[in-house]
Protein backbone atom coordinates (compact mmCIF):
# COMPACT_ATOMS: atom_id res chain seq x y z
CA MET A 1 0.77 -6.06 -13.08
CA SER A 2 -1.11 -8.41 -10.84
CA SER A 3 -1.41 -9.34 -7.20
CA ILE A 4 1.61 -11.23 -5.93
CA PRO A 5 0.62 -14.25 -3.83
CA PHE A 6 2.46 -14.42 -0.55
CA SER A 7 3.88 -17.84 -1.31
CA SER A 8 5.57 -16.72 -4.54
CA SER A 9 7.02 -13.41 -3.38
CA HIS A 10 9.54 -14.69 -0.84
CA PRO A 11 10.37 -17.95 0.90
CA ARG A 12 8.20 -18.31 3.94
CA ARG A 13 9.90 -17.44 7.19
CA PRO A 14 8.58 -18.17 10.68
CA PHE A 15 5.64 -16.00 11.70
CA ASN A 16 5.86 -16.03 15.48
CA ALA A 17 3.19 -13.53 16.48
CA LYS A 18 -0.13 -14.50 18.00
CA GLY A 19 -1.97 -16.66 15.50
CA SER A 20 1.19 -18.16 14.00
CA ASN A 21 -0.31 -21.65 14.13
CA VAL A 22 -3.43 -20.70 12.19
CA VAL A 23 -3.89 -22.39 8.81
CA ARG A 24 -4.10 -19.47 6.40
CA CYS A 25 -5.24 -18.86 2.85
CA GLU A 26 -2.08 -18.49 0.75
CA SER A 27 -3.58 -15.53 -1.12
CA CYS A 28 -5.42 -13.25 1.34
CA MET A 29 -3.44 -14.53 4.37
CA LEU A 30 -6.52 -14.74 6.58
CA ALA A 31 -7.43 -17.92 8.43
CA LYS A 32 -8.89 -20.31 5.86
CA ASP A 33 -12.28 -20.35 7.53
CA TYR A 34 -12.42 -16.55 7.13
CA CYS A 35 -10.94 -16.22 3.63
CA ILE A 36 -12.07 -13.06 1.80
CA CYS A 37 -10.90 -13.98 -1.71
CA ALA A 38 -14.50 -14.36 -2.91
CA HIS A 39 -15.09 -10.68 -2.11
CA ARG A 40 -12.51 -9.40 -4.59
CA ASP A 41 -13.96 -7.16 -7.28
CA PRO A 42 -11.04 -6.11 -9.52
CA VAL A 43 -11.47 -2.93 -11.55
CA TRP A 44 -9.44 -0.70 -13.86
CA ALA A 45 -8.10 2.70 -12.74
CA ASN A 46 -6.57 5.54 -14.73
CA MET A 47 -3.69 5.81 -12.29
CA GLU A 48 -1.05 3.52 -10.87
CA ILE A 49 -0.07 2.67 -7.33
CA TRP A 50 3.44 1.40 -6.71
CA LEU A 51 3.89 -0.24 -3.34
CA LEU A 52 7.41 0.10 -2.00
CA MET A 53 7.12 -2.57 0.65
CA HIS A 54 9.39 -3.22 3.59
CA ARG A 55 10.32 -6.90 3.45
CA GLU A 56 8.90 -7.57 6.89
CA GLU A 57 5.45 -6.57 5.61
CA ALA A 58 5.34 -9.49 3.18
CA TYR A 59 5.00 -11.89 6.10
CA LYS A 60 2.35 -10.02 8.07
CA PRO A 61 -1.27 -11.17 7.70
CA THR A 62 -2.28 -7.69 8.88
CA ASN A 63 -0.75 -6.04 5.79
CA THR A 64 -3.34 -4.16 3.71
CA GLY A 65 -1.16 -3.45 0.67
CA ARG A 66 -2.24 -6.73 -0.92
CA LEU A 67 -5.85 -5.47 -0.88
CA ILE A 68 -4.80 -2.76 -3.34
CA GLU A 69 -3.24 -5.37 -5.61
CA ASP A 70 -6.46 -7.39 -5.46
CA THR A 71 -8.57 -4.33 -6.34
CA ILE A 72 -6.54 -2.81 -9.21
CA PRO A 73 -4.34 -5.73 -10.33
CA GLU A 74 -3.60 -4.14 -13.72
CA ASN A 75 -2.68 -0.78 -12.20
CA SER A 76 -0.60 -1.73 -9.18
CA ARG A 77 2.93 -2.99 -8.72
CA ARG A 78 4.88 -4.23 -5.72
CA PHE A 79 8.57 -3.67 -5.10
CA TYR A 80 10.62 -4.53 -2.03
CA TRP A 81 12.58 -1.72 -0.45
CA HIS A 82 16.34 -1.75 -0.30
CA ARG A 83 18.33 1.25 0.81
CA THR A 84 21.33 0.85 -1.52
CA GLU A 85 20.28 -1.78 -4.09
CA PRO A 86 16.76 -0.92 -5.27
CA ASP A 87 14.89 -3.13 -7.69
CA PRO A 88 16.13 -2.28 -11.23
CA GLU A 89 12.56 -2.48 -12.53
CA PHE A 90 11.48 0.13 -10.00
CA ILE A 91 14.32 2.45 -11.00
CA ALA A 92 13.42 1.96 -14.66
CA LEU A 93 9.85 3.04 -13.93
CA LEU A 94 11.05 6.14 -12.09
CA ASN A 95 12.96 7.09 -15.24
CA ASP A 96 10.16 6.16 -17.64
CA ASP A 97 8.75 9.29 -19.32
CA ARG A 98 5.31 7.69 -19.58
CA TYR A 99 4.78 8.14 -15.84
CA GLN A 100 4.68 11.03 -13.40
CA ALA A 101 5.66 9.51 -10.08
CA HIS A 102 4.78 11.01 -6.70
CA ILE A 103 5.78 9.78 -3.28
CA ILE A 104 3.08 9.83 -0.63
CA PHE A 105 4.37 11.27 2.63
CA PRO A 106 3.30 13.89 5.21
CA ASP A 107 4.45 17.48 4.69
CA ASP A 108 5.05 18.29 8.36
CA ARG A 109 8.43 16.62 8.93
CA GLY A 110 10.64 19.40 7.53
CA GLY A 111 13.63 19.42 5.21
CA TYR A 112 11.89 18.81 1.90
CA GLU A 113 9.42 21.70 1.64
CA GLU A 114 10.49 22.54 -1.93
CA ARG A 115 9.34 19.10 -3.10
CA VAL A 116 5.84 19.23 -1.62
CA VAL A 117 2.90 19.48 -4.03
CA HIS A 118 -0.70 19.79 -2.93
CA GLU A 119 -2.32 18.11 -5.90
CA PRO A 120 -1.11 15.44 -8.32
CA ILE A 121 1.03 16.57 -11.24
CA CYS A 122 -0.63 15.48 -14.47
CA GLU A 123 1.32 16.96 -17.39
CA ASN A 124 1.77 16.03 -21.04
CA GLY A 125 -0.54 13.04 -20.85
CA LYS A 126 1.66 11.21 -18.37
CA ILE A 127 0.15 8.46 -16.25
CA PRO A 128 0.00 9.55 -12.60
CA ALA A 129 1.77 7.05 -10.36
CA PHE A 130 1.79 7.11 -6.59
CA ILE A 131 4.44 5.45 -4.45
CA ILE A 132 3.13 4.28 -1.09
CA LEU A 133 5.74 3.30 1.49
CA ASP A 134 4.30 0.10 2.91
CA GLY A 135 5.69 -0.52 6.38
CA SER A 136 5.28 0.57 9.97
CA TRP A 137 5.26 4.31 10.65
CA ARG A 138 8.90 4.13 11.76
CA GLN A 139 9.92 2.01 8.79
CA ALA A 140 8.21 4.34 6.33
CA GLY A 141 10.07 7.33 7.75
CA ARG A 142 13.36 5.52 7.40
CA MET A 143 12.55 4.45 3.84
CA PHE A 144 11.72 8.03 2.93
CA ARG A 145 14.87 9.51 4.44
CA LEU A 146 17.45 6.94 3.41
CA SER A 147 16.45 6.17 -0.18
CA ARG A 148 18.58 8.42 -2.39
CA TYR A 149 16.61 7.35 -5.47
CA LEU A 150 13.45 8.91 -4.00
CA GLN A 151 14.94 12.29 -3.16
CA LYS A 152 13.97 14.13 -6.37
CA LEU A 153 10.36 13.00 -6.51
CA PRO A 154 7.49 15.36 -5.71
CA VAL A 155 6.01 14.66 -2.29
CA LEU A 156 2.23 14.51 -2.12
CA PRO A 157 0.74 14.59 1.40
CA ILE A 158 -2.72 13.13 1.85
CA LYS A 159 -5.13 15.72 3.20
CA THR A 160 -8.36 14.06 4.28
CA GLN A 161 -10.81 14.06 7.15
CA ARG A 162 -11.11 10.29 6.81
CA LEU A 163 -10.61 8.58 10.16
CA SER A 164 -8.87 5.24 10.16
CA ASP A 165 -11.03 2.14 10.49
CA TYR A 166 -7.97 -0.07 10.71
CA LYS A 167 -7.88 -1.67 14.16
CA LEU A 168 -5.30 -4.44 13.72
CA ARG A 169 -2.27 -2.30 14.57
CA LYS A 170 -1.88 0.75 16.78
CA ALA A 171 -1.40 4.03 14.89
CA PRO A 172 -0.10 7.31 16.36
CA ASP A 173 -3.58 8.83 16.07
CA GLU A 174 -6.93 8.27 14.38
CA PHE A 175 -5.95 10.37 11.34
CA HIS A 176 -3.01 8.08 10.48
CA LEU A 177 -4.28 5.83 7.72
CA CYS A 178 -3.15 2.33 6.85
CA THR A 179 -1.85 1.51 3.37
CA ALA A 180 -5.23 0.56 1.89
CA GLU A 181 -6.87 3.68 3.33
CA VAL A 182 -4.16 5.88 1.79
CA ALA A 183 -4.90 4.23 -1.56
CA MET A 184 -8.63 4.89 -1.13
CA ALA A 185 -7.94 8.56 -0.43
CA LEU A 186 -5.78 8.74 -3.56
CA MET A 187 -8.46 7.07 -5.67
CA GLU A 188 -11.04 9.54 -4.41
CA MET A 189 -8.67 12.43 -5.13
CA MET A 190 -8.23 11.18 -8.70
CA GLY A 191 -11.97 10.68 -9.27
CA GLU A 192 -11.65 6.89 -9.33
CA SER A 193 -14.83 6.29 -7.34
CA GLN A 194 -15.38 2.74 -8.61
CA ALA A 195 -11.90 1.65 -7.57
CA ALA A 196 -12.24 3.42 -4.20
CA GLY A 197 -15.59 1.72 -3.57
CA SER A 198 -14.28 -1.71 -4.53
CA LEU A 199 -11.26 -1.31 -2.27
CA GLN A 200 -13.43 -0.01 0.58
CA ASN A 201 -15.68 -3.07 0.35
CA LEU A 202 -12.73 -5.47 0.38
CA PHE A 203 -11.09 -3.57 3.23
CA SER A 204 -14.31 -3.74 5.26
CA GLU A 205 -14.51 -7.50 4.72
CA PHE A 206 -10.84 -7.80 5.70
CA ASN A 207 -11.34 -5.84 8.94
CA PHE A 208 -14.46 -7.79 9.87
CA SER A 209 -13.13 -11.24 9.01
CA TYR A 210 -9.73 -10.73 10.59
CA ALA A 211 -11.26 -9.46 13.84
CA LYS A 212 -13.69 -12.37 13.89
CA SER A 213 -10.95 -14.91 13.28
CA ARG A 214 -8.82 -13.46 16.08
CA ARG A 215 -11.44 -14.42 18.64
CA ASN A 216 -10.65 -18.06 17.87
CA TYR A 217 -6.87 -17.82 18.37
C-alpha cells in the first residue's frame, strides 16, 4: 500500500489546462522548481483510507488525494472508479471481514437516511476503513449514486467547523473540503494526530508552492 506515481498509474494523456507546458515532477506533479517531495513525512495510522478516484483526477496537478498516499503510504490505497466494472481488488476489500468500510458523504442529500452513522463503526477488532470519493463535487455525487457496490455501506458525514484552505479549485462554499482536508478531519476524528499533522504540513506546502508556481505560468 504505497503512493502510486502519476506516471505508473495510467498512460499520460494531454493536460490542456493553464500550465500544461510546465515541466512537472513526476511524483508530486508540481512544477519541478517547486517540488514538495522533500517535505513528505510518512507515518503509520491505525485506520485505512481508500481513495475511489475518478479517472480524470489522475491527470490533474491540483489533485490532493496523492498527498494522503504520501502521508500514510502503508495505510492508503487508490482505486479508479467504474460504474459497472469496479476493480476486483476493491470489491474483495469490501467483502474482507478484517475491515469495516465506511463511505464518506454528506447526510443532507436524502434517500439513504437509514445508512447514515454519526461516528465510525469499530466492532470486533475490525480495521476502520474510509472510502473517499476523489473527484469534483458533481463527479462524487454521481459516483455515490450510481455505484451499486457502494449501496450497502454505512455513510459517514464529516461534521467539522474546519474551513477549507484549498484555493486551487472553486468549491460550493467554504465548508466544502478538498480530499486531503476530508482525510485530515477523519484522522482527527480517529485520534490520529500525528498523521493529521503530517498531512496538514504537506498540504500547506502544496498550497503555497502551487500558488507560487502559478504566478510564473
